[in-house]
C-alpha atoms as a PDB file:
ATOM      1  CA  MET A   1       8.605 -20.074 -36.036  1.00  0.00           C
ATOM      2  CA  ALA A   2       9.997 -20.167 -32.301  1.00  0.00           C
ATOM      3  CA  LYS A   3      12.660 -22.803 -31.477  1.00  0.00           C
ATOM      4  CA  THR A   4      11.510 -25.376 -29.187  1.00  0.00           C
ATOM      5  CA  VAL A   5      12.977 -28.275 -27.337  1.00  0.00           C
ATOM      6  CA  LYS A   6      11.560 -31.146 -25.875  1.00  0.00           C
ATOM      7  CA  LYS A   7      10.673 -31.562 -22.385  1.00  0.00           C
ATOM      8  CA  ALA A   8       9.296 -34.235 -20.598  1.00  0.00           C
ATOM      9  CA  ASP A   9       7.209 -35.421 -23.872  1.00  0.00           C
ATOM     10  CA  ARG A  10       6.118 -32.017 -24.141  1.00  0.00           C
ATOM     11  CA  ALA A  11       7.234 -29.138 -26.369  1.00  0.00           C
ATOM     12  CA  ILE A  12       9.074 -25.930 -24.726  1.00  0.00           C
ATOM     13  CA  MET A  13       9.400 -22.513 -26.877  1.00  0.00           C
ATOM     14  CA  ILE A  14      12.479 -21.077 -26.329  1.00  0.00           C
ATOM     15  CA  ALA A  15      11.855 -17.206 -25.454  1.00  0.00           C
ATOM     16  CA  LEU A  16      15.053 -16.176 -24.894  1.00  0.00           C
ATOM     17  CA  GLN A  17      18.598 -17.704 -26.260  1.00  0.00           C
ATOM     18  CA  ILE A  18      22.089 -16.193 -25.768  1.00  0.00           C
ATOM     19  CA  ASP A  19      24.653 -17.976 -27.627  1.00  0.00           C
ATOM     20  CA  ASN A  20      28.363 -17.452 -26.976  1.00  0.00           C
ATOM     21  CA  VAL A  21      28.302 -14.196 -26.383  1.00  0.00           C
ATOM     22  CA  ASP A  22      31.505 -12.183 -25.416  1.00  0.00           C
ATOM     23  CA  VAL A  23      31.597  -8.069 -24.838  1.00  0.00           C
ATOM     24  CA  ARG A  24      35.496  -6.389 -24.609  1.00  0.00           C
ATOM     25  CA  PHE A  25      35.872  -2.958 -23.647  1.00  0.00           C
ATOM     26  CA  GLY A  26      39.676  -2.006 -25.103  1.00  0.00           C
ATOM     27  CA  GLY A  27      41.295  -4.912 -22.988  1.00  0.00           C
ATOM     28  CA  LEU A  28      38.758  -5.694 -20.400  1.00  0.00           C
ATOM     29  CA  GLN A  29      36.843  -8.884 -21.322  1.00  0.00           C
ATOM     30  CA  VAL A  30      33.340  -8.621 -19.342  1.00  0.00           C
ATOM     31  CA  LEU A  31      31.183 -11.745 -20.896  1.00  0.00           C
ATOM     32  CA  THR A  32      33.156 -15.010 -22.084  1.00  0.00           C
ATOM     33  CA  MET A  33      30.920 -17.099 -24.181  1.00  0.00           C
ATOM     34  CA  CYS A  34      28.379 -16.407 -22.141  1.00  0.00           C
ATOM     35  CA  ARG A  35      25.435 -19.010 -23.104  1.00  0.00           C
ATOM     36  CA  LEU A  36      21.710 -19.193 -21.756  1.00  0.00           C
ATOM     37  CA  SER A  37      18.470 -20.554 -22.869  1.00  0.00           C
ATOM     38  CA  ILE A  38      15.212 -19.323 -20.871  1.00  0.00           C
ATOM     39  CA  GLU A  39      11.777 -20.868 -22.329  1.00  0.00           C
ATOM     40  CA  ALA A  40       9.245 -19.096 -22.245  1.00  0.00           C
ATOM     41  CA  GLY A  41       6.708 -17.526 -19.554  1.00  0.00           C
ATOM     42  CA  GLU A  42       9.615 -18.408 -17.216  1.00  0.00           C
ATOM     43  CA  LYS A  43      10.736 -15.941 -14.468  1.00  0.00           C
ATOM     44  CA  ARG A  44      15.105 -16.270 -14.676  1.00  0.00           C
ATOM     45  CA  ALA A  45      17.052 -14.617 -11.963  1.00  0.00           C
ATOM     46  CA  ILE A  46      20.445 -13.635 -12.508  1.00  0.00           C
ATOM     47  CA  ILE A  47      22.902 -13.237  -9.839  1.00  0.00           C
ATOM     48  CA  GLY A  48      26.191 -13.105  -9.075  1.00  0.00           C
ATOM     49  CA  PRO A  49      28.711 -11.115  -6.929  1.00  0.00           C
ATOM     50  CA  ASN A  50      29.820  -7.122  -8.151  1.00  0.00           C
ATOM     51  CA  GLY A  51      31.817  -7.398 -11.804  1.00  0.00           C
ATOM     52  CA  ALA A  52      30.144 -10.298 -12.440  1.00  0.00           C
ATOM     53  CA  GLY A  53      28.574  -9.073 -15.945  1.00  0.00           C
ATOM     54  CA  LYS A  54      25.144  -8.921 -14.446  1.00  0.00           C
ATOM     55  CA  THR A  55      24.339  -5.163 -16.009  1.00  0.00           C
ATOM     56  CA  THR A  56      25.996  -6.122 -18.833  1.00  0.00           C
ATOM     57  CA  LEU A  57      24.422  -8.684 -19.710  1.00  0.00           C
ATOM     58  CA  PHE A  58      20.809  -6.765 -19.732  1.00  0.00           C
ATOM     59  CA  ASN A  59      22.630  -3.973 -21.830  1.00  0.00           C
ATOM     60  CA  VAL A  60      23.635  -6.640 -24.900  1.00  0.00           C
ATOM     61  CA  ILE A  61      20.038  -8.161 -24.794  1.00  0.00           C
ATOM     62  CA  SER A  62      17.946  -4.557 -24.226  1.00  0.00           C
ATOM     63  CA  GLY A  63      20.395  -3.701 -27.408  1.00  0.00           C
ATOM     64  CA  ILE A  64      22.232  -0.438 -25.335  1.00  0.00           C
ATOM     65  CA  ILE A  65      25.306  -2.329 -26.094  1.00  0.00           C
ATOM     66  CA  MET A  66      26.660  -4.700 -28.985  1.00  0.00           C
ATOM     67  CA  PRO A  67      28.285  -7.644 -28.442  1.00  0.00           C
ATOM     68  CA  SER A  68      32.092  -8.662 -29.448  1.00  0.00           C
ATOM     69  CA  ALA A  69      30.521 -12.145 -31.045  1.00  0.00           C
ATOM     70  CA  GLY A  70      27.863 -14.082 -30.254  1.00  0.00           C
ATOM     71  CA  LYS A  71      24.457 -13.746 -31.059  1.00  0.00           C
ATOM     72  CA  VAL A  72      21.312 -12.631 -29.032  1.00  0.00           C
ATOM     73  CA  LEU A  73      17.832 -14.392 -30.293  1.00  0.00           C
ATOM     74  CA  SER A  74      14.352 -13.492 -29.233  1.00  0.00           C
ATOM     75  CA  PHE A  75      11.704 -16.575 -30.077  1.00  0.00           C
ATOM     76  CA  ASP A  76      14.117 -17.200 -32.191  1.00  0.00           C
ATOM     77  CA  GLN A  77      14.695 -14.324 -34.572  1.00  0.00           C
ATOM     78  CA  ASP A  78      18.063 -12.913 -34.529  1.00  0.00           C
ATOM     79  CA  ILE A  79      18.120  -9.647 -32.889  1.00  0.00           C
ATOM     80  CA  THR A  80      21.941  -9.500 -31.960  1.00  0.00           C
ATOM     81  CA  ARG A  81      22.430  -6.051 -34.055  1.00  0.00           C
ATOM     82  CA  SER A  82      18.548  -4.953 -33.716  1.00  0.00           C
ATOM     83  CA  PRO A  83      18.286  -0.901 -31.830  1.00  0.00           C
ATOM     84  CA  ALA A  84      16.722  -0.748 -28.712  1.00  0.00           C
ATOM     85  CA  HIS A  85      13.748   0.389 -30.164  1.00  0.00           C
ATOM     86  CA  VAL A  86      13.106  -2.170 -32.739  1.00  0.00           C
ATOM     87  CA  ARG A  87      13.497  -4.620 -29.892  1.00  0.00           C
ATOM     88  CA  ALA A  88      11.293  -2.552 -27.920  1.00  0.00           C
ATOM     89  CA  MET A  89       8.487  -3.742 -30.944  1.00  0.00           C
ATOM     90  CA  HIS A  90       8.924  -6.839 -30.929  1.00  0.00           C
ATOM     91  CA  GLY A  91       7.924  -7.221 -27.306  1.00  0.00           C
ATOM     92  CA  LEU A  92      10.841  -6.871 -24.600  1.00  0.00           C
ATOM     93  CA  ALA A  93      10.256  -4.016 -22.263  1.00  0.00           C
ATOM     94  CA  ARG A  94      12.944  -2.990 -19.283  1.00  0.00           C
ATOM     95  CA  THR A  95      13.537  -1.025 -16.311  1.00  0.00           C
ATOM     96  CA  PHE A  96      16.885   0.281 -14.804  1.00  0.00           C
ATOM     97  CA  GLN A  97      18.364   0.198 -11.411  1.00  0.00           C
ATOM     98  CA  ILE A  98      17.760   3.704 -11.335  1.00  0.00           C
ATOM     99  CA  THR A  99      13.879   4.538 -11.493  1.00  0.00           C
ATOM    100  CA  ASN A 100      13.003   5.889 -14.938  1.00  0.00           C
ATOM    101  CA  LEU A 101      10.016   8.440 -14.600  1.00  0.00           C
ATOM    102  CA  PHE A 102       8.487  12.015 -14.184  1.00  0.00           C
ATOM    103  CA  ASN A 103       8.531  13.342 -10.521  1.00  0.00           C
ATOM    104  CA  ASN A 104       6.649  16.316 -11.051  1.00  0.00           C
ATOM    105  CA  LEU A 105       3.620  14.564 -12.777  1.00  0.00           C
ATOM    106  CA  SER A 106       1.110  12.395 -11.296  1.00  0.00           C
ATOM    107  CA  VAL A 107       1.112   8.506 -11.232  1.00  0.00           C
ATOM    108  CA  LEU A 108      -1.757   8.955 -13.524  1.00  0.00           C
ATOM    109  CA  GLU A 109       0.115  10.972 -16.042  1.00  0.00           C
ATOM    110  CA  ASN A 110       3.269   8.999 -16.096  1.00  0.00           C
ATOM    111  CA  ILE A 111       1.173   5.415 -17.066  1.00  0.00           C
ATOM    112  CA  ILE A 112      -1.149   7.738 -19.873  1.00  0.00           C
ATOM    113  CA  LEU A 113       2.535   9.227 -21.046  1.00  0.00           C
ATOM    114  CA  GLY A 114       4.002   5.461 -21.280  1.00  0.00           C
ATOM    115  CA  LEU A 115       0.753   4.091 -23.246  1.00  0.00           C
ATOM    116  CA  GLN A 116       0.160   6.676 -25.465  1.00  0.00           C
ATOM    117  CA  ALA A 117       4.085   6.416 -26.969  1.00  0.00           C
ATOM    118  CA  LEU A 118       3.017   2.665 -28.037  1.00  0.00           C
ATOM    119  CA  THR A 119      -0.055   4.469 -30.289  1.00  0.00           C
ATOM    120  CA  SER A 120      -0.372   6.861 -33.358  1.00  0.00           C
ATOM    121  CA  THR A 121      -1.591   9.168 -31.120  1.00  0.00           C
ATOM    122  CA  LYS A 122       1.436  10.400 -30.001  1.00  0.00           C
ATOM    123  CA  TYR A 123       2.227  12.191 -33.055  1.00  0.00           C
ATOM    124  CA  ILE A 124      -1.398  14.237 -32.252  1.00  0.00           C
ATOM    125  CA  PHE A 125      -0.782  17.927 -31.128  1.00  0.00           C
ATOM    126  CA  TYR A 126      -4.166  19.507 -31.253  1.00  0.00           C
ATOM    127  CA  ARG A 127      -5.736  17.358 -28.306  1.00  0.00           C
ATOM    128  CA  THR A 128      -4.874  17.305 -24.765  1.00  0.00           C
ATOM    129  CA  THR A 129      -4.075  14.490 -23.186  1.00  0.00           C
ATOM    130  CA  SER A 130      -7.487  14.055 -20.994  1.00  0.00           C
ATOM    131  CA  SER A 131      -9.347  13.967 -24.498  1.00  0.00           C
ATOM    132  CA  PHE A 132      -7.671  10.710 -25.137  1.00  0.00           C
ATOM    133  CA  THR A 133     -10.735   8.669 -23.006  1.00  0.00           C
ATOM    134  CA  GLU A 134      -9.909   5.117 -23.924  1.00  0.00           C
ATOM    135  CA  LEU A 135      -5.749   6.169 -23.069  1.00  0.00           C
ATOM    136  CA  ILE A 136      -7.066   7.370 -19.468  1.00  0.00           C
ATOM    137  CA  ASP A 137      -8.856   4.510 -18.636  1.00  0.00           C
ATOM    138  CA  ASN A 138      -6.240   1.801 -19.280  1.00  0.00           C
ATOM    139  CA  ALA A 139      -3.714   3.404 -17.729  1.00  0.00           C
ATOM    140  CA  VAL A 140      -6.514   3.429 -14.261  1.00  0.00           C
ATOM    141  CA  SER A 141      -7.210  -0.395 -15.446  1.00  0.00           C
ATOM    142  CA  LEU A 142      -3.420  -0.644 -14.987  1.00  0.00           C
ATOM    143  CA  LEU A 143      -3.322   1.129 -11.680  1.00  0.00           C
ATOM    144  CA  ARG A 144      -6.102  -0.506 -10.475  1.00  0.00           C
ATOM    145  CA  THR A 145      -5.531  -4.236 -10.836  1.00  0.00           C
ATOM    146  CA  TRP A 146      -1.779  -3.611  -9.350  1.00  0.00           C
ATOM    147  CA  GLY A 147      -3.275  -1.827  -6.324  1.00  0.00           C
ATOM    148  CA  LEU A 148      -2.279   1.709  -7.354  1.00  0.00           C
ATOM    149  CA  GLU A 149      -5.337   3.730  -8.435  1.00  0.00           C
ATOM    150  CA  ASP A 150      -5.995   5.362  -5.048  1.00  0.00           C
ATOM    151  CA  LYS A 151      -2.511   7.505  -5.807  1.00  0.00           C
ATOM    152  CA  LYS A 152      -3.149   7.953  -9.249  1.00  0.00           C
ATOM    153  CA  ASP A 153      -3.268  12.034  -8.854  1.00  0.00           C
ATOM    154  CA  ARG A 154      -0.751  12.050  -6.535  1.00  0.00           C
ATOM    155  CA  PRO A 155       2.507  12.876  -8.005  1.00  0.00           C
ATOM    156  CA  VAL A 156       5.376  10.398  -8.078  1.00  0.00           C
ATOM    157  CA  ARG A 157       7.726  11.771  -6.425  1.00  0.00           C
ATOM    158  CA  SER A 158       5.603  12.038  -2.720  1.00  0.00           C
ATOM    159  CA  LEU A 159       5.469   7.746  -4.003  1.00  0.00           C
ATOM    160  CA  SER A 160       8.073   5.560  -1.444  1.00  0.00           C
ATOM    161  CA  HIS A 161      10.733   3.804  -3.547  1.00  0.00           C
ATOM    162  CA  GLY A 162       9.616   0.460  -3.238  1.00  0.00           C
ATOM    163  CA  GLU A 163       6.080   2.174  -4.891  1.00  0.00           C
ATOM    164  CA  GLN A 164       8.269   4.318  -7.590  1.00  0.00           C
ATOM    165  CA  ARG A 165       9.466   0.331  -8.427  1.00  0.00           C
ATOM    166  CA  GLN A 166       5.978  -0.808  -8.538  1.00  0.00           C
ATOM    167  CA  LEU A 167       5.065   1.744 -10.819  1.00  0.00           C
ATOM    168  CA  GLU A 168       8.063   1.236 -13.470  1.00  0.00           C
ATOM    169  CA  ILE A 169       7.040  -2.008 -13.560  1.00  0.00           C
ATOM    170  CA  ILE A 170       3.389  -1.390 -14.813  1.00  0.00           C
ATOM    171  CA  LEU A 171       4.759   1.207 -16.742  1.00  0.00           C
ATOM    172  CA  ALA A 172       7.517  -1.534 -18.388  1.00  0.00           C
ATOM    173  CA  LEU A 173       3.678  -3.887 -18.134  1.00  0.00           C
ATOM    174  CA  ALA A 174       1.819  -1.462 -20.769  1.00  0.00           C
ATOM    175  CA  SER A 175       3.665  -2.404 -23.603  1.00  0.00           C
ATOM    176  CA  ARG A 176       1.944  -5.615 -22.588  1.00  0.00           C
ATOM    177  CA  PRO A 177       6.087  -7.451 -23.547  1.00  0.00           C
ATOM    178  CA  LYS A 178       6.601 -11.158 -24.369  1.00  0.00           C
ATOM    179  CA  ILE A 179      10.193 -10.547 -22.472  1.00  0.00           C
ATOM    180  CA  LEU A 180      10.463  -8.271 -19.180  1.00  0.00           C
ATOM    181  CA  LEU A 181      13.733  -7.491 -18.077  1.00  0.00           C
ATOM    182  CA  LEU A 182      14.030  -5.874 -14.589  1.00  0.00           C
ATOM    183  CA  ASP A 183      17.341  -5.287 -12.954  1.00  0.00           C
ATOM    184  CA  GLU A 184      17.509  -4.839  -9.804  1.00  0.00           C
ATOM    185  CA  PRO A 185      13.312  -4.404  -9.635  1.00  0.00           C
ATOM    186  CA  THR A 186      14.211  -4.829  -5.273  1.00  0.00           C
ATOM    187  CA  GLN A 187      17.554  -2.344  -5.120  1.00  0.00           C
ATOM    188  CA  GLY A 188      17.124  -0.217  -2.142  1.00  0.00           C
ATOM    189  CA  LEU A 189      14.320  -1.252  -1.145  1.00  0.00           C
ATOM    190  CA  SER A 190      13.074  -1.838   3.311  1.00  0.00           C
ATOM    191  CA  THR A 191      11.849  -4.827   4.047  1.00  0.00           C
ATOM    192  CA  ALA A 192       8.201  -4.258   3.493  1.00  0.00           C
ATOM    193  CA  GLU A 193       8.840  -2.475   0.055  1.00  0.00           C
ATOM    194  CA  THR A 194      10.638  -5.539  -0.917  1.00  0.00           C
ATOM    195  CA  ALA A 195       7.780  -7.552   0.084  1.00  0.00           C
ATOM    196  CA  LEU A 196       5.228  -5.323  -2.192  1.00  0.00           C
ATOM    197  CA  VAL A 197       7.585  -5.465  -5.044  1.00  0.00           C
ATOM    198  CA  VAL A 198       8.211  -9.817  -4.859  1.00  0.00           C
ATOM    199  CA  PRO A 199       4.244 -10.812  -4.871  1.00  0.00           C
ATOM    200  CA  MET A 200       3.755  -8.160  -7.995  1.00  0.00           C
ATOM    201  CA  VAL A 201       6.747 -10.031 -10.015  1.00  0.00           C
ATOM    202  CA  ARG A 202       5.476 -13.673  -8.819  1.00  0.00           C
ATOM    203  CA  SER A 203       2.475 -12.702 -10.332  1.00  0.00           C
ATOM    204  CA  LEU A 204       2.935 -11.462 -13.734  1.00  0.00           C
ATOM    205  CA  ASP A 205       1.478 -13.372 -16.465  1.00  0.00           C
ATOM    206  CA  PRO A 206       2.392 -16.500 -16.621  1.00  0.00           C
ATOM    207  CA  SER A 207       2.599 -15.857 -20.590  1.00  0.00           C
ATOM    208  CA  THR A 208       5.501 -13.305 -19.868  1.00  0.00           C
ATOM    209  CA  THR A 209       9.307 -13.973 -19.935  1.00  0.00           C
ATOM    210  CA  VAL A 210      10.552 -12.646 -16.859  1.00  0.00           C
ATOM    211  CA  LEU A 211      14.423 -12.051 -16.452  1.00  0.00           C
ATOM    212  CA  PHE A 212      15.938  -9.904 -14.247  1.00  0.00           C
ATOM    213  CA  ILE A 213      18.995  -8.948 -11.387  1.00  0.00           C
ATOM    214  CA  GLU A 214      19.011  -9.658  -8.174  1.00  0.00           C
ATOM    215  CA  HIS A 215      21.580  -9.166  -5.675  1.00  0.00           C
ATOM    216  CA  ASP A 216      19.795 -10.694  -2.869  1.00  0.00           C
ATOM    217  CA  MET A 217      20.239 -14.096  -3.016  1.00  0.00           C
ATOM    218  CA  ASP A 218      16.486 -15.332  -0.232  1.00  0.00           C
ATOM    219  CA  VAL A 219      14.524 -12.807  -2.714  1.00  0.00           C
ATOM    220  CA  ALA A 220      15.655 -14.409  -6.316  1.00  0.00           C
ATOM    221  CA  PHE A 221      14.797 -17.655  -4.575  1.00  0.00           C
ATOM    222  CA  GLN A 222      11.176 -16.230  -3.955  1.00  0.00           C
ATOM    223  CA  MET A 223      10.760 -14.806  -7.760  1.00  0.00           C
ATOM    224  CA  ALA A 224      12.152 -17.068 -10.279  1.00  0.00           C
ATOM    225  CA  ASP A 225      11.363 -20.895 -11.174  1.00  0.00           C
ATOM    226  CA  LYS A 226      15.406 -21.640 -12.019  1.00  0.00           C
ATOM    227  CA  ILE A 227      18.436 -19.135 -11.316  1.00  0.00           C
ATOM    228  CA  THR A 228      21.541 -18.608 -13.354  1.00  0.00           C
ATOM    229  CA  VAL A 229      25.018 -17.760 -11.693  1.00  0.00           C
ATOM    230  CA  LEU A 230      27.820 -15.600 -13.454  1.00  0.00           C
ATOM    231  CA  TYR A 231      30.759 -14.907 -12.511  1.00  0.00           C
ATOM    232  CA  TYR A 232      34.095 -13.192 -14.264  1.00  0.00           C
ATOM    233  CA  GLY A 233      31.074 -12.688 -17.883  1.00  0.00           C
ATOM    234  CA  SER A 234      30.372 -16.562 -17.749  1.00  0.00           C
ATOM    235  CA  VAL A 235      27.551 -18.798 -16.419  1.00  0.00           C
ATOM    236  CA  LEU A 236      28.830 -20.938 -13.524  1.00  0.00           C
ATOM    237  CA  ALA A 237      25.523 -22.350 -12.561  1.00  0.00           C
ATOM    238  CA  GLU A 238      22.137 -23.048 -13.551  1.00  0.00           C
ATOM    239  CA  GLY A 239      19.432 -24.416 -11.660  1.00  0.00           C
ATOM    240  CA  THR A 240      16.602 -24.697  -8.841  1.00  0.00           C
ATOM    241  CA  GLU A 241      16.639 -22.862  -5.873  1.00  0.00           C
ATOM    242  CA  ASP A 242      17.898 -26.814  -4.327  1.00  0.00           C
ATOM    243  CA  GLU A 243      20.360 -27.132  -6.449  1.00  0.00           C
ATOM    244  CA  ILE A 244      21.969 -23.584  -6.092  1.00  0.00           C
ATOM    245  CA  ARG A 245      21.861 -24.132  -2.571  1.00  0.00           C
ATOM    246  CA  GLY A 246      24.172 -26.890  -2.842  1.00  0.00           C
ATOM    247  CA  ASN A 247      26.271 -26.296  -4.996  1.00  0.00           C
ATOM    248  CA  PRO A 248      29.526 -25.860  -3.452  1.00  0.00           C
ATOM    249  CA  ASN A 249      31.076 -23.139  -6.286  1.00  0.00           C
ATOM    250  CA  VAL A 250      28.289 -21.315  -5.686  1.00  0.00           C
ATOM    251  CA  ALA A 251      29.057 -20.590  -2.097  1.00  0.00           C
ATOM    252  CA  GLU A 252      32.429 -20.038  -2.400  1.00  0.00           C
ATOM    253  CA  VAL A 253      32.034 -17.363  -5.023  1.00  0.00           C
ATOM    254  CA  TYR A 254      29.337 -15.591  -2.159  1.00  0.00           C
ATOM    255  CA  LEU A 255      31.735 -15.834   0.594  1.00  0.00           C
ATOM    256  CA  GLY A 256      33.001 -11.964  -0.129  1.00  0.00           C
ATOM    257  CA  LEU A 257      34.621 -11.534  -2.940  1.00  0.00           C
ATOM    258  CA  GLU A 258      34.469  -8.766  -4.061  1.00  0.00           C
ATOM    259  CA  GLY A 259      35.088  -6.328  -7.333  1.00  0.00           C
ATOM    260  CA  ASP A 260      33.573  -3.174  -9.461  1.00  0.00           C
ATOM    261  CA  ASN A 261      30.245  -3.162 -11.264  1.00  0.00           C
ATOM    262  CA  ALA A 262      30.003  -4.083 -14.415  1.00  0.00           C
END
């Protein structure tokens, strides 16, 4: 049973808990006693300067790398040593900094493949994809919901970068995840393209827990209910927009401190 905590006389379910996680690569300590707790349905931003350990934390949560110490729990289930595909089966989905799409296929074909990977039809090789009408209908419905139906027959390579980001999020949503990890969803986007992605994240199903890395603090404030600031692999601060904006330690970190990505 998932862990719950009392908050303002109501029970809050904890969707994701990072408990004293360390990550070391040889002599390099990337995460140190990293701790955070994310409520079910919450939209949480992870921000911090380059080298803070944001991507490493995402890689630990999604099972790409194993922590040197500590635990990762999803709805009170210990997934610390579970491989990525097992986490996906338990309701965790992720996007990446670089879009991971089939550029030569159409928008619709990308969605169909994403949906098909979740069903037993992926093992059926004697039927054409066009014969799976339910998959096609579901794919069109997803595109219609998110405003991309009119582009369904276009090759992905012809989409703008912002539209490709939207498509990648739709693909992640196809698995109906309980927890959605978005790795820099607005990276490289123009102001106009960012304006496509931000309302999309804000309008996601309230029952879906969303954790995202964001380099732009103003964009993070627009999308998140709560913000966690990482600095040298540890949580420096956590709170609402007002709490983060008013935190002198956060202000100091963002005065031009730079390093290598981790």
